[in-house]
Structure formats: C-alpha cells, structure tokens
Amino acid sequence: MLKRPAPALLLVLIATGMLLVGTGTVLAQATTPSLPAAPQPTPRLPQGSPGGSSNYVVSAAANEHGSFLWVVDSIQHVVTLCEKSDSKDFICTKKPLP
C-alpha cells in the first residue's frame, strides 16, 4: 500500500476532474442548440363552398316561444331559418328570396 494516501487521492481527484471538464466542453460543443423546423403551409380550401357563396349575413333572436337564427346568402339570394322550440335540436328550412 502507498505510504502517502492523501497526495495520491488528491492526484486521482484532480485527474478525474480534468477529464470531466474536458468532456464537458466537448459535449457542449457537440450539442449546439437549434431551432425547430418551420411550420409547413396547409393546403387552402376552395374559395367557394358547394352549398353557398361564402358571403352571409347572420341574425338571431330568442323569446319565450323559442330561439331563431336567420342566415342570408346575399349572393345566391337564399335564406335559411333555423328554429329551436321545445326540442333540443334546431329545425332548419331553406327558402329562396324573392
């Protein structure tokens, strides 16, 4: 066994510390931060939906008799009236404007 264990232990600790410091800088250089990839554009939907012109005027009203919703397509001159009375679902009717 060694006659001087304290200096030998100190030498081992210093050598181990030097190795850890050396590998820490190598790891820091190897792992450079990077930004995530840019978001990809999503395909656009067609401009006109098959059931309308995408140009609507919406109004609504409610009273003790029920709730009402009017959707007017001002290009195709069609009005959709949706009514909700005592049931849970809306009942909608579509009519052409004069």
PDB file of N, CA and C in Angstrom:
ATOM      1  N   MET A   1       0.831  -1.165   0.000  1.00  0.00           N
ATOM      2  CA  MET A   1       0.000   0.000   0.000  1.00  0.00           C
ATOM      3  C   MET A   1       0.882   1.236   0.000  1.00  0.00           C
ATOM      4  N   LEU A   2       0.317   2.341  -0.468  1.00  0.00           N
ATOM      5  CA  LEU A   2       1.082   3.574  -0.554  1.00  0.00           C
ATOM      6  C   LEU A   2       1.330   4.152   0.830  1.00  0.00           C
ATOM      7  N   LYS A   3       2.478   4.816   0.964  1.00  0.00           N
ATOM      8  CA  LYS A   3       2.801   5.421   2.242  1.00  0.00           C
ATOM      9  C   LYS A   3       2.122   6.778   2.383  1.00  0.00           C
ATOM     10  N   ARG A   4       1.791   7.393   1.310  1.00  0.00           N
ATOM     11  CA  ARG A   4       1.147   8.717   1.347  1.00  0.00           C
ATOM     12  C   ARG A   4      -0.218   8.642   0.617  1.00  0.00           C
ATOM     13  N   PRO A   5      -1.301   8.210   1.239  1.00  0.00           N
ATOM     14  CA  PRO A   5      -2.596   8.072   0.560  1.00  0.00           C
ATOM     15  C   PRO A   5      -3.253   9.429   0.246  1.00  0.00           C
ATOM     16  N   ALA A   6      -3.024  10.441   1.052  1.00  0.00           N
ATOM     17  CA  ALA A   6      -3.674  11.727   0.803  1.00  0.00           C
ATOM     18  C   ALA A   6      -3.200  12.375  -0.494  1.00  0.00           C
ATOM     19  N   PRO A   7      -1.897  12.468  -0.774  1.00  0.00           N
ATOM     20  CA  PRO A   7      -1.479  13.054  -2.051  1.00  0.00           C
ATOM     21  C   PRO A   7      -1.918  12.200  -3.243  1.00  0.00           C
ATOM     22  N   ALA A   8      -1.932  10.876  -3.087  1.00  0.00           N
ATOM     23  CA  ALA A   8      -2.369  10.019  -4.188  1.00  0.00           C
ATOM     24  C   ALA A   8      -3.859  10.233  -4.464  1.00  0.00           C
ATOM     25  N   LEU A   9      -4.648  10.343  -3.392  1.00  0.00           N
ATOM     26  CA  LEU A   9      -6.078  10.592  -3.559  1.00  0.00           C
ATOM     27  C   LEU A   9      -6.323  11.955  -4.201  1.00  0.00           C
ATOM     28  N   LEU A  10      -5.565  12.944  -3.816  1.00  0.00           N
ATOM     29  CA  LEU A  10      -5.678  14.279  -4.395  1.00  0.00           C
ATOM     30  C   LEU A  10      -5.334  14.256  -5.874  1.00  0.00           C
ATOM     31  N   LEU A  11      -4.297  13.497  -6.234  1.00  0.00           N
ATOM     32  CA  LEU A  11      -3.897  13.386  -7.631  1.00  0.00           C
ATOM     33  C   LEU A  11      -4.996  12.719  -8.460  1.00  0.00           C
ATOM     34  N   VAL A  12      -5.621  11.670  -7.910  1.00  0.00           N
ATOM     35  CA  VAL A  12      -6.712  10.979  -8.612  1.00  0.00           C
ATOM     36  C   VAL A  12      -7.908  11.920  -8.787  1.00  0.00           C
ATOM     37  N   LEU A  13      -8.242  12.680  -7.760  1.00  0.00           N
ATOM     38  CA  LEU A  13      -9.370  13.616  -7.851  1.00  0.00           C
ATOM     39  C   LEU A  13      -9.100  14.707  -8.885  1.00  0.00           C
ATOM     40  N   ILE A  14      -7.901  15.223  -8.921  1.00  0.00           N
ATOM     41  CA  ILE A  14      -7.566  16.267  -9.899  1.00  0.00           C
ATOM     42  C   ILE A  14      -7.613  15.709 -11.316  1.00  0.00           C
ATOM     43  N   ALA A  15      -7.083  14.496 -11.514  1.00  0.00           N
ATOM     44  CA  ALA A  15      -7.094  13.877 -12.840  1.00  0.00           C
ATOM     45  C   ALA A  15      -8.527  13.607 -13.299  1.00  0.00           C
ATOM     46  N   THR A  16      -9.362  13.115 -12.390  1.00  0.00           N
ATOM     47  CA  THR A  16     -10.763  12.854 -12.731  1.00  0.00           C
ATOM     48  C   THR A  16     -11.486  14.162 -13.050  1.00  0.00           C
ATOM     49  N   GLY A  17     -11.217  15.199 -12.278  1.00  0.00           N
ATOM     50  CA  GLY A  17     -11.838  16.496 -12.543  1.00  0.00           C
ATOM     51  C   GLY A  17     -11.436  17.058 -13.892  1.00  0.00           C
ATOM     52  N   MET A  18     -10.158  16.882 -14.260  1.00  0.00           N
ATOM     53  CA  MET A  18      -9.691  17.364 -15.559  1.00  0.00           C
ATOM     54  C   MET A  18     -10.379  16.611 -16.697  1.00  0.00           C
ATOM     55  N   LEU A  19     -10.569  15.307 -16.513  1.00  0.00           N
ATOM     56  CA  LEU A  19     -11.270  14.533 -17.543  1.00  0.00           C
ATOM     57  C   LEU A  19     -12.718  14.988 -17.696  1.00  0.00           C
ATOM     58  N   LEU A  20     -13.382  15.226 -16.574  1.00  0.00           N
ATOM     59  CA  LEU A  20     -14.783  15.659 -16.626  1.00  0.00           C
ATOM     60  C   LEU A  20     -14.908  17.037 -17.257  1.00  0.00           C
ATOM     61  N   VAL A  21     -13.999  17.938 -16.942  1.00  0.00           N
ATOM     62  CA  VAL A  21     -14.045  19.276 -17.535  1.00  0.00           C
ATOM     63  C   VAL A  21     -13.783  19.192 -19.025  1.00  0.00           C
ATOM     64  N   GLY A  22     -12.846  18.344 -19.426  1.00  0.00           N
ATOM     65  CA  GLY A  22     -12.536  18.184 -20.851  1.00  0.00           C
ATOM     66  C   GLY A  22     -13.699  17.607 -21.625  1.00  0.00           C
ATOM     67  N   THR A  23     -14.388  16.604 -21.079  1.00  0.00           N
ATOM     68  CA  THR A  23     -15.529  16.025 -21.786  1.00  0.00           C
ATOM     69  C   THR A  23     -16.725  16.955 -21.755  1.00  0.00           C
ATOM     70  N   GLY A  24     -16.842  17.795 -20.728  1.00  0.00           N
ATOM     71  CA  GLY A  24     -17.958  18.737 -20.657  1.00  0.00           C
ATOM     72  C   GLY A  24     -17.896  19.770 -21.768  1.00  0.00           C
ATOM     73  N   THR A  25     -16.699  20.251 -22.097  1.00  0.00           N
ATOM     74  CA  THR A  25     -16.587  21.227 -23.179  1.00  0.00           C
ATOM     75  C   THR A  25     -16.806  20.573 -24.522  1.00  0.00           C
ATOM     76  N   VAL A  26     -16.400  19.313 -24.665  1.00  0.00           N
ATOM     77  CA  VAL A  26     -16.642  18.604 -25.921  1.00  0.00           C
ATOM     78  C   VAL A  26     -18.134  18.380 -26.105  1.00  0.00           C
ATOM     79  N   LEU A  27     -18.828  17.984 -25.030  1.00  0.00           N
ATOM     80  CA  LEU A  27     -20.278  17.799 -25.127  1.00  0.00           C
ATOM     81  C   LEU A  27     -20.984  19.104 -25.390  1.00  0.00           C
ATOM     82  N   ALA A  28     -20.512  20.181 -24.796  1.00  0.00           N
ATOM     83  CA  ALA A  28     -21.149  21.479 -25.018  1.00  0.00           C
ATOM     84  C   ALA A  28     -20.983  21.918 -26.459  1.00  0.00           C
ATOM     85  N   GLN A  29     -19.847  21.609 -27.075  1.00  0.00           N
ATOM     86  CA  GLN A  29     -19.629  21.981 -28.464  1.00  0.00           C
ATOM     87  C   GLN A  29     -20.424  21.086 -29.393  1.00  0.00           C
ATOM     88  N   ALA A  30     -20.620  19.822 -29.023  1.00  0.00           N
ATOM     89  CA  ALA A  30     -21.324  18.878 -29.887  1.00  0.00           C
ATOM     90  C   ALA A  30     -22.828  19.118 -29.870  1.00  0.00           C
ATOM     91  N   THR A  31     -23.380  19.660 -28.800  1.00  0.00           N
ATOM     92  CA  THR A  31     -24.826  19.848 -28.708  1.00  0.00           C
ATOM     93  C   THR A  31     -25.167  21.325 -28.826  1.00  0.00           C
ATOM     94  N   THR A  32     -24.994  21.872 -29.998  1.00  0.00           N
ATOM     95  CA  THR A  32     -25.366  23.271 -30.213  1.00  0.00           C
ATOM     96  C   THR A  32     -26.881  23.359 -30.338  1.00  0.00           C
ATOM     97  N   PRO A  33     -27.481  24.382 -29.780  1.00  0.00           N
ATOM     98  CA  PRO A  33     -28.941  24.492 -29.859  1.00  0.00           C
ATOM     99  C   PRO A  33     -29.386  24.780 -31.291  1.00  0.00           C
ATOM    100  N   SER A  34     -30.537  24.267 -31.618  1.00  0.00           N
ATOM    101  CA  SER A  34     -31.080  24.502 -32.953  1.00  0.00           C
ATOM    102  C   SER A  34     -32.563  24.800 -32.839  1.00  0.00           C
ATOM    103  N   LEU A  35     -33.056  25.506 -33.815  1.00  0.00           N
ATOM    104  CA  LEU A  35     -34.477  25.850 -33.850  1.00  0.00           C
ATOM    105  C   LEU A  35     -35.261  24.712 -34.471  1.00  0.00           C
ATOM    106  N   PRO A  36     -36.537  24.564 -34.094  1.00  0.00           N
ATOM    107  CA  PRO A  36     -37.360  23.535 -34.737  1.00  0.00           C
ATOM    108  C   PRO A  36     -37.630  23.915 -36.191  1.00  0.00           C
ATOM    109  N   ALA A  37     -38.039  22.945 -36.943  1.00  0.00           N
ATOM    110  CA  ALA A  37     -38.336  23.176 -38.354  1.00  0.00           C
ATOM    111  C   ALA A  37     -39.500  24.153 -38.491  1.00  0.00           C
ATOM    112  N   ALA A  38     -39.496  24.899 -39.562  1.00  0.00           N
ATOM    113  CA  ALA A  38     -40.562  25.868 -39.823  1.00  0.00           C
ATOM    114  C   ALA A  38     -41.865  25.128 -40.089  1.00  0.00           C
ATOM    115  N   PRO A  39     -43.004  25.686 -39.678  1.00  0.00           N
ATOM    116  CA  PRO A  39     -44.275  25.017 -39.946  1.00  0.00           C
ATOM    117  C   PRO A  39     -44.561  24.991 -41.441  1.00  0.00           C
ATOM    118  N   GLN A  40     -45.118  23.903 -41.875  1.00  0.00           N
ATOM    119  CA  GLN A  40     -45.443  23.740 -43.286  1.00  0.00           C
ATOM    120  C   GLN A  40     -46.800  24.363 -43.584  1.00  0.00           C
ATOM    121  N   PRO A  41     -46.957  25.033 -44.701  1.00  0.00           N
ATOM    122  CA  PRO A  41     -48.254  25.626 -45.024  1.00  0.00           C
ATOM    123  C   PRO A  41     -49.289  24.542 -45.283  1.00  0.00           C
ATOM    124  N   THR A  42     -50.494  24.806 -44.840  1.00  0.00           N
ATOM    125  CA  THR A  42     -51.581  23.854 -45.054  1.00  0.00           C
ATOM    126  C   THR A  42     -52.259  24.183 -46.374  1.00  0.00           C
ATOM    127  N   PRO A  43     -52.765  23.183 -47.063  1.00  0.00           N
ATOM    128  CA  PRO A  43     -53.436  23.465 -48.331  1.00  0.00           C
ATOM    129  C   PRO A  43     -54.703  24.271 -48.080  1.00  0.00           C
ATOM    130  N   ARG A  44     -54.939  25.234 -48.932  1.00  0.00           N
ATOM    131  CA  ARG A  44     -56.120  26.090 -48.788  1.00  0.00           C
ATOM    132  C   ARG A  44     -57.360  25.381 -49.299  1.00  0.00           C
ATOM    133  N   LEU A  45     -58.459  25.690 -48.667  1.00  0.00           N
ATOM    134  CA  LEU A  45     -59.730  25.147 -49.112  1.00  0.00           C
ATOM    135  C   LEU A  45     -60.184  25.905 -50.354  1.00  0.00           C
ATOM    136  N   PRO A  46     -61.004  25.304 -51.181  1.00  0.00           N
ATOM    137  CA  PRO A  46     -61.525  26.039 -52.328  1.00  0.00           C
ATOM    138  C   PRO A  46     -62.291  27.274 -51.857  1.00  0.00           C
ATOM    139  N   GLN A  47     -62.264  28.323 -52.653  1.00  0.00           N
ATOM    140  CA  GLN A  47     -62.865  29.589 -52.238  1.00  0.00           C
ATOM    141  C   GLN A  47     -64.374  29.494 -52.040  1.00  0.00           C
ATOM    142  N   GLY A  48     -65.047  28.808 -52.866  1.00  0.00           N
ATOM    143  CA  GLY A  48     -66.497  28.709 -52.724  1.00  0.00           C
ATOM    144  C   GLY A  48     -66.906  27.335 -52.228  1.00  0.00           C
ATOM    145  N   SER A  49     -67.769  27.295 -51.230  1.00  0.00           N
ATOM    146  CA  SER A  49     -68.258  26.003 -50.792  1.00  0.00           C
ATOM    147  C   SER A  49     -69.353  25.556 -51.754  1.00  0.00           C
ATOM    148  N   PRO A  50     -69.578  24.253 -51.896  1.00  0.00           N
ATOM    149  CA  PRO A  50     -70.564  23.782 -52.852  1.00  0.00           C
ATOM    150  C   PRO A  50     -71.986  24.237 -52.520  1.00  0.00           C
ATOM    151  N   GLY A  51     -72.259  24.565 -51.258  1.00  0.00           N
ATOM    152  CA  GLY A  51     -73.619  24.913 -50.885  1.00  0.00           C
ATOM    153  C   GLY A  51     -73.878  26.395 -50.754  1.00  0.00           C
ATOM    154  N   GLY A  52     -72.932  27.255 -51.041  1.00  0.00           N
ATOM    155  CA  GLY A  52     -73.172  28.676 -50.858  1.00  0.00           C
ATOM    156  C   GLY A  52     -72.051  29.514 -51.416  1.00  0.00           C
ATOM    157  N   SER A  53     -72.174  30.818 -51.207  1.00  0.00           N
ATOM    158  CA  SER A  53     -71.218  31.747 -51.793  1.00  0.00           C
ATOM    159  C   SER A  53     -70.175  32.234 -50.807  1.00  0.00           C
ATOM    160  N   SER A  54     -70.234  31.833 -49.571  1.00  0.00           N
ATOM    161  CA  SER A  54     -69.326  32.267 -48.507  1.00  0.00           C
ATOM    162  C   SER A  54     -69.491  33.738 -48.179  1.00  0.00           C
ATOM    163  N   ASN A  55     -70.626  34.312 -48.492  1.00  0.00           N
ATOM    164  CA  ASN A  55     -70.936  35.705 -48.172  1.00  0.00           C
ATOM    165  C   ASN A  55     -72.298  35.705 -47.487  1.00  0.00           C
ATOM    166  N   TYR A  56     -72.281  35.713 -46.145  1.00  0.00           N
ATOM    167  CA  TYR A  56     -73.500  35.516 -45.379  1.00  0.00           C
ATOM    168  C   TYR A  56     -73.766  36.689 -44.445  1.00  0.00           C
ATOM    169  N   VAL A  57     -75.049  36.885 -44.137  1.00  0.00           N
ATOM    170  CA  VAL A  57     -75.488  37.802 -43.091  1.00  0.00           C
ATOM    171  C   VAL A  57     -76.260  36.955 -42.094  1.00  0.00           C
ATOM    172  N   VAL A  58     -75.873  37.038 -40.821  1.00  0.00           N
ATOM    173  CA  VAL A  58     -76.469  36.176 -39.792  1.00  0.00           C
ATOM    174  C   VAL A  58     -77.123  37.053 -38.734  1.00  0.00           C
ATOM    175  N   SER A  59     -78.334  36.673 -38.334  1.00  0.00           N
ATOM    176  CA  SER A  59     -79.000  37.353 -37.222  1.00  0.00           C
ATOM    177  C   SER A  59     -79.747  36.308 -36.405  1.00  0.00           C
ATOM    178  N   ALA A  60     -80.012  36.661 -35.157  1.00  0.00           N
ATOM    179  CA  ALA A  60     -80.655  35.713 -34.257  1.00  0.00           C
ATOM    180  C   ALA A  60     -81.566  36.456 -33.294  1.00  0.00           C
ATOM    181  N   ALA A  61     -82.546  35.730 -32.769  1.00  0.00           N
ATOM    182  CA  ALA A  61     -83.458  36.284 -31.765  1.00  0.00           C
ATOM    183  C   ALA A  61     -83.960  35.132 -30.909  1.00  0.00           C
ATOM    184  N   ALA A  62     -84.366  35.483 -29.700  1.00  0.00           N
ATOM    185  CA  ALA A  62     -84.923  34.479 -28.798  1.00  0.00           C
ATOM    186  C   ALA A  62     -85.987  35.134 -27.932  1.00  0.00           C
ATOM    187  N   ASN A  63     -87.030  34.381 -27.625  1.00  0.00           N
ATOM    188  CA  ASN A  63     -88.067  34.828 -26.695  1.00  0.00           C
ATOM    189  C   ASN A  63     -88.617  33.609 -25.973  1.00  0.00           C
ATOM    190  N   GLU A  64     -89.740  33.762 -25.298  1.00  0.00           N
ATOM    191  CA  GLU A  64     -90.282  32.648 -24.526  1.00  0.00           C
ATOM    192  C   GLU A  64     -90.823  31.525 -25.410  1.00  0.00           C
ATOM    193  N   HIS A  65     -91.005  31.779 -26.694  1.00  0.00           N
ATOM    194  CA  HIS A  65     -91.532  30.761 -27.597  1.00  0.00           C
ATOM    195  C   HIS A  65     -90.433  29.908 -28.229  1.00  0.00           C
ATOM    196  N   GLY A  66     -89.210  30.425 -28.279  1.00  0.00           N
ATOM    197  CA  GLY A  66     -88.121  29.649 -28.885  1.00  0.00           C
ATOM    198  C   GLY A  66     -86.962  30.536 -29.294  1.00  0.00           C
ATOM    199  N   SER A  67     -86.002  29.930 -29.957  1.00  0.00           N
ATOM    200  CA  SER A  67     -84.828  30.633 -30.467  1.00  0.00           C
ATOM    201  C   SER A  67     -84.836  30.537 -31.981  1.00  0.00           C
ATOM    202  N   PHE A  68     -84.411  31.625 -32.633  1.00  0.00           N
ATOM    203  CA  PHE A  68     -84.453  31.696 -34.084  1.00  0.00           C
ATOM    204  C   PHE A  68     -83.120  32.202 -34.610  1.00  0.00           C
ATOM    205  N   LEU A  69     -82.710  31.647 -35.741  1.00  0.00           N
ATOM    206  CA  LEU A  69     -81.467  32.035 -36.385  1.00  0.00           C
ATOM    207  C   LEU A  69     -81.726  32.156 -37.878  1.00  0.00           C
ATOM    208  N   TRP A  70     -81.381  33.321 -38.436  1.00  0.00           N
ATOM    209  CA  TRP A  70     -81.510  33.547 -39.865  1.00  0.00           C
ATOM    210  C   TRP A  70     -80.125  33.637 -40.461  1.00  0.00           C
ATOM    211  N   VAL A  71     -79.914  32.919 -41.542  1.00  0.00           N
ATOM    212  CA  VAL A  71     -78.666  33.000 -42.301  1.00  0.00           C
ATOM    213  C   VAL A  71     -79.052  33.354 -43.737  1.00  0.00           C
ATOM    214  N   VAL A  72     -78.608  34.530 -44.177  1.00  0.00           N
ATOM    215  CA  VAL A  72     -78.964  35.016 -45.508  1.00  0.00           C
ATOM    216  C   VAL A  72     -77.722  34.966 -46.385  1.00  0.00           C
ATOM    217  N   ASP A  73     -77.828  34.262 -47.503  1.00  0.00           N
ATOM    218  CA  ASP A  73     -76.765  34.253 -48.512  1.00  0.00           C
ATOM    219  C   ASP A  73     -77.096  35.371 -49.492  1.00  0.00           C
ATOM    220  N   SER A  74     -76.345  36.468 -49.396  1.00  0.00           N
ATOM    221  CA  SER A  74     -76.693  37.653 -50.180  1.00  0.00           C
ATOM    222  C   SER A  74     -76.282  37.543 -51.643  1.00  0.00           C
ATOM    223  N   ILE A  75     -75.492  36.579 -52.005  1.00  0.00           N
ATOM    224  CA  ILE A  75     -75.117  36.388 -53.407  1.00  0.00           C
ATOM    225  C   ILE A  75     -76.130  35.497 -54.111  1.00  0.00           C
ATOM    226  N   GLN A  76     -76.472  34.375 -53.503  1.00  0.00           N
ATOM    227  CA  GLN A  76     -77.404  33.439 -54.121  1.00  0.00           C
ATOM    228  C   GLN A  76     -78.858  33.735 -53.754  1.00  0.00           C
ATOM    229  N   HIS A  77     -79.089  34.745 -52.933  1.00  0.00           N
ATOM    230  CA  HIS A  77     -80.437  35.173 -52.521  1.00  0.00           C
ATOM    231  C   HIS A  77     -81.246  34.015 -51.931  1.00  0.00           C
ATOM    232  N   VAL A  78     -80.660  33.400 -50.907  1.00  0.00           N
ATOM    233  CA  VAL A  78     -81.295  32.292 -50.198  1.00  0.00           C
ATOM    234  C   VAL A  78     -81.230  32.601 -48.716  1.00  0.00           C
ATOM    235  N   VAL A  79     -82.334  32.325 -47.999  1.00  0.00           N
ATOM    236  CA  VAL A  79     -82.355  32.500 -46.550  1.00  0.00           C
ATOM    237  C   VAL A  79     -82.587  31.141 -45.908  1.00  0.00           C
ATOM    238  N   THR A  80     -81.857  30.890 -44.821  1.00  0.00           N
ATOM    239  CA  THR A  80     -82.044  29.670 -44.040  1.00  0.00           C
ATOM    240  C   THR A  80     -82.537  30.096 -42.664  1.00  0.00           C
ATOM    241  N   LEU A  81     -83.707  29.616 -42.283  1.00  0.00           N
ATOM    242  CA  LEU A  81     -84.286  29.918 -40.982  1.00  0.00           C
ATOM    243  C   LEU A  81     -84.184  28.672 -40.122  1.00  0.00           C
ATOM    244  N   CYS A  82     -83.501  28.816 -38.986  1.00  0.00           N
ATOM    245  CA  CYS A  82     -83.382  27.707 -38.034  1.00  0.00           C
ATOM    246  C   CYS A  82     -84.154  28.085 -36.778  1.00  0.00           C
ATOM    247  N   GLU A  83     -84.969  27.146 -36.305  1.00  0.00           N
ATOM    248  CA  GLU A  83     -85.835  27.399 -35.154  1.00  0.00           C
ATOM    249  C   GLU A  83     -85.643  26.296 -34.129  1.00  0.00           C
ATOM    250  N   LYS A  84     -85.583  26.719 -32.873  1.00  0.00           N
ATOM    251  CA  LYS A  84     -85.477  25.758 -31.775  1.00  0.00           C
ATOM    252  C   LYS A  84     -86.556  26.109 -30.767  1.00  0.00           C
ATOM    253  N   SER A  85     -87.517  25.225 -30.643  1.00  0.00           N
ATOM    254  CA  SER A  85     -88.578  25.484 -29.667  1.00  0.00           C
ATOM    255  C   SER A  85     -88.364  24.604 -28.445  1.00  0.00           C
ATOM    256  N   ASP A  86     -89.210  23.648 -28.205  1.00  0.00           N
ATOM    257  CA  ASP A  86     -89.093  22.816 -27.006  1.00  0.00           C
ATOM    258  C   ASP A  86     -88.106  21.655 -27.179  1.00  0.00           C
ATOM    259  N   SER A  87     -87.753  21.332 -28.397  1.00  0.00           N
ATOM    260  CA  SER A  87     -86.834  20.206 -28.612  1.00  0.00           C
ATOM    261  C   SER A  87     -85.384  20.655 -28.417  1.00  0.00           C
ATOM    262  N   LYS A  88     -84.471  19.699 -28.405  1.00  0.00           N
ATOM    263  CA  LYS A  88     -83.059  20.021 -28.219  1.00  0.00           C
ATOM    264  C   LYS A  88     -82.386  20.408 -29.526  1.00  0.00           C
ATOM    265  N   ASP A  89     -82.921  19.982 -30.655  1.00  0.00           N
ATOM    266  CA  ASP A  89     -82.296  20.224 -31.951  1.00  0.00           C
ATOM    267  C   ASP A  89     -82.952  21.384 -32.679  1.00  0.00           C
ATOM    268  N   PHE A  90     -82.156  22.036 -33.507  1.00  0.00           N
ATOM    269  CA  PHE A  90     -82.679  23.090 -34.383  1.00  0.00           C
ATOM    270  C   PHE A  90     -83.343  22.439 -35.591  1.00  0.00           C
ATOM    271  N   ILE A  91     -84.427  23.058 -36.057  1.00  0.00           N
ATOM    272  CA  ILE A  91     -85.091  22.644 -37.278  1.00  0.00           C
ATOM    273  C   ILE A  91     -84.875  23.774 -38.271  1.00  0.00           C
ATOM    274  N   CYS A  92     -84.252  23.466 -39.411  1.00  0.00           N
ATOM    275  CA  CYS A  92     -83.893  24.495 -40.377  1.00  0.00           C
ATOM    276  C   CYS A  92     -84.653  24.301 -41.688  1.00  0.00           C
ATOM    277  N   THR A  93     -85.070  25.406 -42.261  1.00  0.00           N
ATOM    278  CA  THR A  93     -85.684  25.409 -43.583  1.00  0.00           C
ATOM    279  C   THR A  93     -84.956  26.435 -44.434  1.00  0.00           C
ATOM    280  N   LYS A  94     -84.808  26.102 -45.730  1.00  0.00           N
ATOM    281  CA  LYS A  94     -84.099  26.978 -46.656  1.00  0.00           C
ATOM    282  C   LYS A  94     -85.060  27.410 -47.747  1.00  0.00           C
ATOM    283  N   LYS A  95     -85.119  28.744 -47.978  1.00  0.00           N
ATOM    284  CA  LYS A  95     -86.060  29.278 -48.962  1.00  0.00           C
ATOM    285  C   LYS A  95     -85.355  30.331 -49.817  1.00  0.00           C
ATOM    286  N   PRO A  96     -85.729  30.424 -51.072  1.00  0.00           N
ATOM    287  CA  PRO A  96     -85.158  31.467 -51.923  1.00  0.00           C
ATOM    288  C   PRO A  96     -85.810  32.818 -51.592  1.00  0.00           C
ATOM    289  N   LEU A  97     -85.044  33.880 -51.702  1.00  0.00           N
ATOM    290  CA  LEU A  97     -85.585  35.223 -51.508  1.00  0.00           C
ATOM    291  C   LEU A  97     -86.269  35.674 -52.787  1.00  0.00           C
ATOM    292  N   PRO A  98     -87.302  36.518 -52.677  1.00  0.00           N
ATOM    293  CA  PRO A  98     -87.989  36.995 -53.888  1.00  0.00           C
ATOM    294  C   PRO A  98     -87.110  37.925 -54.690  1.00  0.00           C
TER     295      PRO A  98
END
